[in-house]
């Protein structure tokens, strides 16, 4: 077992089906909490960087793990976000969470299929794939027991989901430090 990060680093895992709100939540959490947060997106690594199909032994699994570990070891807080199918990614995520020395909090976006379709229709890439693909990817309540995931369901607004992630992960403290940094450096151009 190789310890990663430090006592002060925060690891947040956001999992759920396509169109459930993970990416938008991750981006807004970082926007509200400020610098020092790395977002490691399954889609960015698997689809954009590697142009790889999702597979149980995909290269992206190890690369996502390596990126998260490196960022944590460099003192960044990390938000991992993606579908992260339990069968393909569960072992890697469980090991990463166990080996992280700081605070780790995991969330699962439990959103019905019909709602994921509605949300997908509002996304810029809505024309790239649709209901048939999303149905083939959809896994109801695909929890990873080792992650002790907090559920965010469709009854939570986007803003409520963001605040749950910030408060539950304790990134709220990061936000307070960011606000203080901004107040002290107002006008410095940094």
C-alpha atoms as a PDB file:
ATOM      1  CA  UNK A   1       0.000   0.000   0.000  1.00  0.00           C
ATOM      2  CA  UNK A   2       1.442   3.323  -1.101  1.00  0.00           C
ATOM      3  CA  UNK A   3       0.146   6.406   0.712  1.00  0.00           C
ATOM      4  CA  UNK A   4      -0.684   9.319  -1.572  1.00  0.00           C
ATOM      5  CA  UNK A   5      -1.402  12.977  -1.009  1.00  0.00           C
ATOM      6  CA  UNK A   6      -1.141  14.488   2.452  1.00  0.00           C
ATOM      7  CA  UNK A   7      -3.325  14.950   5.516  1.00  0.00           C
ATOM      8  CA  UNK A   8      -4.502  18.256   4.007  1.00  0.00           C
ATOM      9  CA  UNK A   9      -5.411  17.081   0.491  1.00  0.00           C
ATOM     10  CA  UNK A  10      -9.020  16.350  -0.419  1.00  0.00           C
ATOM     11  CA  UNK A  11     -10.149  13.702  -2.893  1.00  0.00           C
ATOM     12  CA  UNK A  12     -13.709  13.871  -4.214  1.00  0.00           C
ATOM     13  CA  UNK A  13     -15.201  11.189  -6.456  1.00  0.00           C
ATOM     14  CA  UNK A  14     -18.321  12.076  -8.482  1.00  0.00           C
ATOM     15  CA  UNK A  15     -19.883   9.052 -10.188  1.00  0.00           C
ATOM     16  CA  UNK A  16     -23.126   8.486 -12.035  1.00  0.00           C
ATOM     17  CA  UNK A  17     -24.713   7.928 -15.389  1.00  0.00           C
ATOM     18  CA  UNK A  18     -24.222  10.098 -18.445  1.00  0.00           C
ATOM     19  CA  UNK A  19     -26.283  13.260 -18.152  1.00  0.00           C
ATOM     20  CA  UNK A  20     -26.626  13.095 -14.370  1.00  0.00           C
ATOM     21  CA  UNK A  21     -24.776  16.365 -13.683  1.00  0.00           C
ATOM     22  CA  UNK A  22     -21.303  15.248 -12.611  1.00  0.00           C
ATOM     23  CA  UNK A  23     -19.226  17.367 -14.987  1.00  0.00           C
ATOM     24  CA  UNK A  24     -21.212  20.555 -14.453  1.00  0.00           C
ATOM     25  CA  UNK A  25     -21.045  20.019 -10.693  1.00  0.00           C
ATOM     26  CA  UNK A  26     -17.284  19.427 -10.724  1.00  0.00           C
ATOM     27  CA  UNK A  27     -16.651  22.574 -12.769  1.00  0.00           C
ATOM     28  CA  UNK A  28     -18.863  24.735 -10.571  1.00  0.00           C
ATOM     29  CA  UNK A  29     -17.334  23.356  -7.353  1.00  0.00           C
ATOM     30  CA  UNK A  30     -13.880  24.349  -8.611  1.00  0.00           C
ATOM     31  CA  UNK A  31     -15.158  27.746  -9.746  1.00  0.00           C
ATOM     32  CA  UNK A  32     -16.646  28.420  -6.306  1.00  0.00           C
ATOM     33  CA  UNK A  33     -13.727  27.017  -4.317  1.00  0.00           C
ATOM     34  CA  UNK A  34     -10.857  28.494  -6.308  1.00  0.00           C
ATOM     35  CA  UNK A  35      -7.352  27.460  -7.158  1.00  0.00           C
ATOM     36  CA  UNK A  36      -5.657  24.267  -6.106  1.00  0.00           C
ATOM     37  CA  UNK A  37      -8.330  21.859  -7.352  1.00  0.00           C
ATOM     38  CA  UNK A  38      -7.608  19.497 -10.241  1.00  0.00           C
ATOM     39  CA  UNK A  39     -10.545  17.981 -12.109  1.00  0.00           C
ATOM     40  CA  UNK A  40      -9.724  14.566 -13.547  1.00  0.00           C
ATOM     41  CA  UNK A  41     -12.505  13.744 -15.995  1.00  0.00           C
ATOM     42  CA  UNK A  42     -13.034  10.212 -17.262  1.00  0.00           C
ATOM     43  CA  UNK A  43     -14.277  11.603 -20.596  1.00  0.00           C
ATOM     44  CA  UNK A  44     -11.270  13.909 -21.004  1.00  0.00           C
ATOM     45  CA  UNK A  45      -8.819  11.064 -20.453  1.00  0.00           C
ATOM     46  CA  UNK A  46     -10.651   8.173 -22.106  1.00  0.00           C
ATOM     47  CA  UNK A  47     -12.433   9.867 -24.982  1.00  0.00           C
ATOM     48  CA  UNK A  48     -10.477  13.068 -25.677  1.00  0.00           C
ATOM     49  CA  UNK A  49      -6.879  12.180 -24.774  1.00  0.00           C
ATOM     50  CA  UNK A  50      -6.771   8.479 -25.692  1.00  0.00           C
ATOM     51  CA  UNK A  51      -9.823   8.133 -27.973  1.00  0.00           C
ATOM     52  CA  UNK A  52     -10.402   4.803 -26.279  1.00  0.00           C
ATOM     53  CA  UNK A  53     -13.637   2.829 -25.913  1.00  0.00           C
ATOM     54  CA  UNK A  54     -14.682   2.000 -22.360  1.00  0.00           C
ATOM     55  CA  UNK A  55     -13.372  -1.478 -21.538  1.00  0.00           C
ATOM     56  CA  UNK A  56     -12.603  -3.418 -18.341  1.00  0.00           C
ATOM     57  CA  UNK A  57      -8.847  -3.254 -18.958  1.00  0.00           C
ATOM     58  CA  UNK A  58      -8.691   0.112 -20.711  1.00  0.00           C
ATOM     59  CA  UNK A  59      -5.511   2.157 -20.616  1.00  0.00           C
ATOM     60  CA  UNK A  60      -7.521   5.111 -19.319  1.00  0.00           C
ATOM     61  CA  UNK A  61      -8.119   3.398 -15.955  1.00  0.00           C
ATOM     62  CA  UNK A  62      -4.433   3.413 -15.033  1.00  0.00           C
ATOM     63  CA  UNK A  63      -3.897   6.867 -16.500  1.00  0.00           C
ATOM     64  CA  UNK A  64      -6.781   8.364 -14.490  1.00  0.00           C
ATOM     65  CA  UNK A  65      -5.289   6.754 -11.373  1.00  0.00           C
ATOM     66  CA  UNK A  66      -1.797   8.097 -12.174  1.00  0.00           C
ATOM     67  CA  UNK A  67      -3.029  11.642 -12.844  1.00  0.00           C
ATOM     68  CA  UNK A  68      -5.038  11.717  -9.608  1.00  0.00           C
ATOM     69  CA  UNK A  69      -2.122  10.354  -7.567  1.00  0.00           C
ATOM     70  CA  UNK A  70       0.340  12.823  -9.068  1.00  0.00           C
ATOM     71  CA  UNK A  71      -1.946  15.802  -8.476  1.00  0.00           C
ATOM     72  CA  UNK A  72      -2.590  14.735  -4.854  1.00  0.00           C
ATOM     73  CA  UNK A  73       1.144  14.209  -4.273  1.00  0.00           C
ATOM     74  CA  UNK A  74       1.738  17.751  -5.564  1.00  0.00           C
ATOM     75  CA  UNK A  75      -0.713  19.161  -3.011  1.00  0.00           C
ATOM     76  CA  UNK A  76      -3.749  19.614  -5.246  1.00  0.00           C
ATOM     77  CA  UNK A  77      -7.224  18.654  -4.147  1.00  0.00           C
ATOM     78  CA  UNK A  78      -8.675  16.319  -6.783  1.00  0.00           C
ATOM     79  CA  UNK A  79     -12.182  15.876  -8.135  1.00  0.00           C
ATOM     80  CA  UNK A  80     -12.527  12.662 -10.148  1.00  0.00           C
ATOM     81  CA  UNK A  81     -15.662  12.735 -12.273  1.00  0.00           C
ATOM     82  CA  UNK A  82     -17.159  10.249 -14.659  1.00  0.00           C
ATOM     83  CA  UNK A  83     -19.544   7.383 -15.171  1.00  0.00           C
ATOM     84  CA  UNK A  84     -16.835   5.110 -13.719  1.00  0.00           C
ATOM     85  CA  UNK A  85     -18.791   1.887 -14.235  1.00  0.00           C
ATOM     86  CA  UNK A  86     -18.337  -0.122 -11.002  1.00  0.00           C
ATOM     87  CA  UNK A  87     -17.290  -3.291 -12.856  1.00  0.00           C
ATOM     88  CA  UNK A  88     -14.498  -1.493 -14.746  1.00  0.00           C
ATOM     89  CA  UNK A  89     -13.338   1.187 -12.283  1.00  0.00           C
ATOM     90  CA  UNK A  90     -14.398  -0.036  -8.831  1.00  0.00           C
ATOM     91  CA  UNK A  91     -11.113  -1.685  -7.912  1.00  0.00           C
ATOM     92  CA  UNK A  92      -8.987   1.290  -9.011  1.00  0.00           C
ATOM     93  CA  UNK A  93     -11.249   3.781  -7.222  1.00  0.00           C
ATOM     94  CA  UNK A  94     -11.340   1.698  -4.036  1.00  0.00           C
ATOM     95  CA  UNK A  95      -7.551   1.433  -3.927  1.00  0.00           C
ATOM     96  CA  UNK A  96      -7.064   5.130  -4.681  1.00  0.00           C
ATOM     97  CA  UNK A  97      -9.481   6.130  -1.911  1.00  0.00           C
ATOM     98  CA  UNK A  98      -7.900   3.738   0.629  1.00  0.00           C
ATOM     99  CA  UNK A  99      -4.390   4.981  -0.121  1.00  0.00           C
ATOM    100  CA  UNK A 100      -5.224   8.689   0.031  1.00  0.00           C
ATOM    101  CA  UNK A 101      -3.955  10.143   3.332  1.00  0.00           C
ATOM    102  CA  UNK A 102      -6.298  13.130   3.377  1.00  0.00           C
ATOM    103  CA  UNK A 103     -10.079  13.438   3.369  1.00  0.00           C
ATOM    104  CA  UNK A 104     -11.887  11.384   0.725  1.00  0.00           C
ATOM    105  CA  UNK A 105     -15.579  11.786  -0.051  1.00  0.00           C
ATOM    106  CA  UNK A 106     -17.532   9.988  -2.765  1.00  0.00           C
ATOM    107  CA  UNK A 107     -20.866  10.916  -4.320  1.00  0.00           C
ATOM    108  CA  UNK A 108     -23.142   8.971  -6.630  1.00  0.00           C
ATOM    109  CA  UNK A 109     -25.582  10.885  -8.863  1.00  0.00           C
ATOM    110  CA  UNK A 110     -28.688   8.692  -8.727  1.00  0.00           C
ATOM    111  CA  UNK A 111     -30.793  10.173 -11.539  1.00  0.00           C
ATOM    112  CA  UNK A 112     -33.511   8.291 -13.484  1.00  0.00           C
ATOM    113  CA  UNK A 113     -32.860   7.591 -17.151  1.00  0.00           C
ATOM    114  CA  UNK A 114     -35.586   9.960 -18.383  1.00  0.00           C
ATOM    115  CA  UNK A 115     -34.043  12.835 -16.407  1.00  0.00           C
ATOM    116  CA  UNK A 116     -30.557  12.101 -17.779  1.00  0.00           C
ATOM    117  CA  UNK A 117     -32.028  12.386 -21.297  1.00  0.00           C
ATOM    118  CA  UNK A 118     -33.640  15.723 -20.448  1.00  0.00           C
ATOM    119  CA  UNK A 119     -30.375  17.056 -19.002  1.00  0.00           C
ATOM    120  CA  UNK A 120     -28.343  15.715 -21.923  1.00  0.00           C
ATOM    121  CA  UNK A 121     -30.524  17.668 -24.370  1.00  0.00           C
ATOM    122  CA  UNK A 122     -29.226  20.910 -22.784  1.00  0.00           C
ATOM    123  CA  UNK A 123     -25.532  20.027 -23.253  1.00  0.00           C
ATOM    124  CA  UNK A 124     -23.328  21.317 -26.100  1.00  0.00           C
ATOM    125  CA  UNK A 125     -22.540  17.746 -27.222  1.00  0.00           C
ATOM    126  CA  UNK A 126     -26.232  16.743 -27.336  1.00  0.00           C
ATOM    127  CA  UNK A 127     -25.930  16.055 -31.077  1.00  0.00           C
ATOM    128  CA  UNK A 128     -22.955  13.695 -30.682  1.00  0.00           C
ATOM    129  CA  UNK A 129     -24.963  10.884 -29.086  1.00  0.00           C
ATOM    130  CA  UNK A 130     -28.527  10.316 -27.971  1.00  0.00           C
ATOM    131  CA  UNK A 131     -31.017   8.057 -26.232  1.00  0.00           C
ATOM    132  CA  UNK A 132     -29.878   4.700 -27.725  1.00  0.00           C
ATOM    133  CA  UNK A 133     -26.254   5.209 -26.649  1.00  0.00           C
ATOM    134  CA  UNK A 134     -27.237   6.588 -23.267  1.00  0.00           C
ATOM    135  CA  UNK A 135     -29.571   3.651 -22.650  1.00  0.00           C
ATOM    136  CA  UNK A 136     -26.755   1.191 -23.432  1.00  0.00           C
ATOM    137  CA  UNK A 137     -24.485   2.975 -20.911  1.00  0.00           C
ATOM    138  CA  UNK A 138     -27.140   3.414 -18.199  1.00  0.00           C
ATOM    139  CA  UNK A 139     -26.557   1.447 -14.989  1.00  0.00           C
ATOM    140  CA  UNK A 140     -29.179   2.005 -12.265  1.00  0.00           C
ATOM    141  CA  UNK A 141     -27.668   2.523  -8.804  1.00  0.00           C
ATOM    142  CA  UNK A 142     -24.216   1.255  -9.837  1.00  0.00           C
ATOM    143  CA  UNK A 143     -22.665   1.789  -6.392  1.00  0.00           C
ATOM    144  CA  UNK A 144     -19.177   0.692  -5.362  1.00  0.00           C
ATOM    145  CA  UNK A 145     -19.558  -0.528  -1.745  1.00  0.00           C
ATOM    146  CA  UNK A 146     -15.930   0.268  -0.869  1.00  0.00           C
ATOM    147  CA  UNK A 147     -16.530   3.947  -1.658  1.00  0.00           C
ATOM    148  CA  UNK A 148     -19.343   4.559   0.863  1.00  0.00           C
ATOM    149  CA  UNK A 149     -20.975   6.888  -1.662  1.00  0.00           C
ATOM    150  CA  UNK A 150     -23.390   9.659  -0.694  1.00  0.00           C
ATOM    151  CA  UNK A 151     -26.346   9.716  -3.070  1.00  0.00           C
ATOM    152  CA  UNK A 152     -27.400  12.873  -4.876  1.00  0.00           C
ATOM    153  CA  UNK A 153     -30.749  12.238  -6.513  1.00  0.00           C
ATOM    154  CA  UNK A 154     -32.910  14.079  -9.033  1.00  0.00           C
ATOM    155  CA  UNK A 155     -34.757  15.902  -6.242  1.00  0.00           C
ATOM    156  CA  UNK A 156     -31.597  17.949  -5.611  1.00  0.00           C
ATOM    157  CA  UNK A 157     -31.252  21.067  -7.734  1.00  0.00           C
ATOM    158  CA  UNK A 158     -27.943  21.708  -9.471  1.00  0.00           C
ATOM    159  CA  UNK A 159     -27.062  24.317  -6.842  1.00  0.00           C
ATOM    160  CA  UNK A 160     -27.990  21.953  -3.997  1.00  0.00           C
ATOM    161  CA  UNK A 161     -25.775  19.234  -5.498  1.00  0.00           C
ATOM    162  CA  UNK A 162     -22.862  21.682  -5.685  1.00  0.00           C
ATOM    163  CA  UNK A 163     -23.320  22.758  -2.078  1.00  0.00           C
ATOM    164  CA  UNK A 164     -23.616  19.117  -0.920  1.00  0.00           C
ATOM    165  CA  UNK A 165     -20.299  18.314  -2.588  1.00  0.00           C
ATOM    166  CA  UNK A 166     -18.590  21.416  -1.179  1.00  0.00           C
ATOM    167  CA  UNK A 167     -19.868  20.861   2.353  1.00  0.00           C
ATOM    168  CA  UNK A 168     -19.551  17.057   2.381  1.00  0.00           C
ATOM    169  CA  UNK A 169     -15.996  17.073   1.101  1.00  0.00           C
ATOM    170  CA  UNK A 170     -15.011  20.021   3.285  1.00  0.00           C
ATOM    171  CA  UNK A 171     -13.932  21.958   0.240  1.00  0.00           C
ATOM    172  CA  UNK A 172     -15.864  24.763   1.975  1.00  0.00           C
ATOM    173  CA  UNK A 173     -12.650  25.375   3.919  1.00  0.00           C
ATOM    174  CA  UNK A 174     -10.810  25.637   0.603  1.00  0.00           C
ATOM    175  CA  UNK A 175     -13.413  28.188  -0.507  1.00  0.00           C
ATOM    176  CA  UNK A 176     -12.845  30.253   2.649  1.00  0.00           C
ATOM    177  CA  UNK A 177      -9.084  30.229   2.048  1.00  0.00           C
ATOM    178  CA  UNK A 178      -9.662  31.177  -1.604  1.00  0.00           C
ATOM    179  CA  UNK A 179     -11.927  34.076  -0.591  1.00  0.00           C
ATOM    180  CA  UNK A 180      -9.312  35.298   1.907  1.00  0.00           C
ATOM    181  CA  UNK A 181      -6.576  35.008  -0.740  1.00  0.00           C
ATOM    182  CA  UNK A 182      -8.671  37.024  -3.203  1.00  0.00           C
ATOM    183  CA  UNK A 183      -9.368  39.712  -0.578  1.00  0.00           C
ATOM    184  CA  UNK A 184      -5.662  40.009   0.282  1.00  0.00           C
ATOM    185  CA  UNK A 185      -4.516  40.111  -3.333  1.00  0.00           C
ATOM    186  CA  UNK A 186      -7.266  42.279  -4.794  1.00  0.00           C
ATOM    187  CA  UNK A 187      -5.909  44.142  -7.771  1.00  0.00           C
ATOM    188  CA  UNK A 188      -2.646  42.200  -7.972  1.00  0.00           C
ATOM    189  CA  UNK A 189      -3.602  40.543 -11.272  1.00  0.00           C
ATOM    190  CA  UNK A 190      -2.829  37.050  -9.944  1.00  0.00           C
END
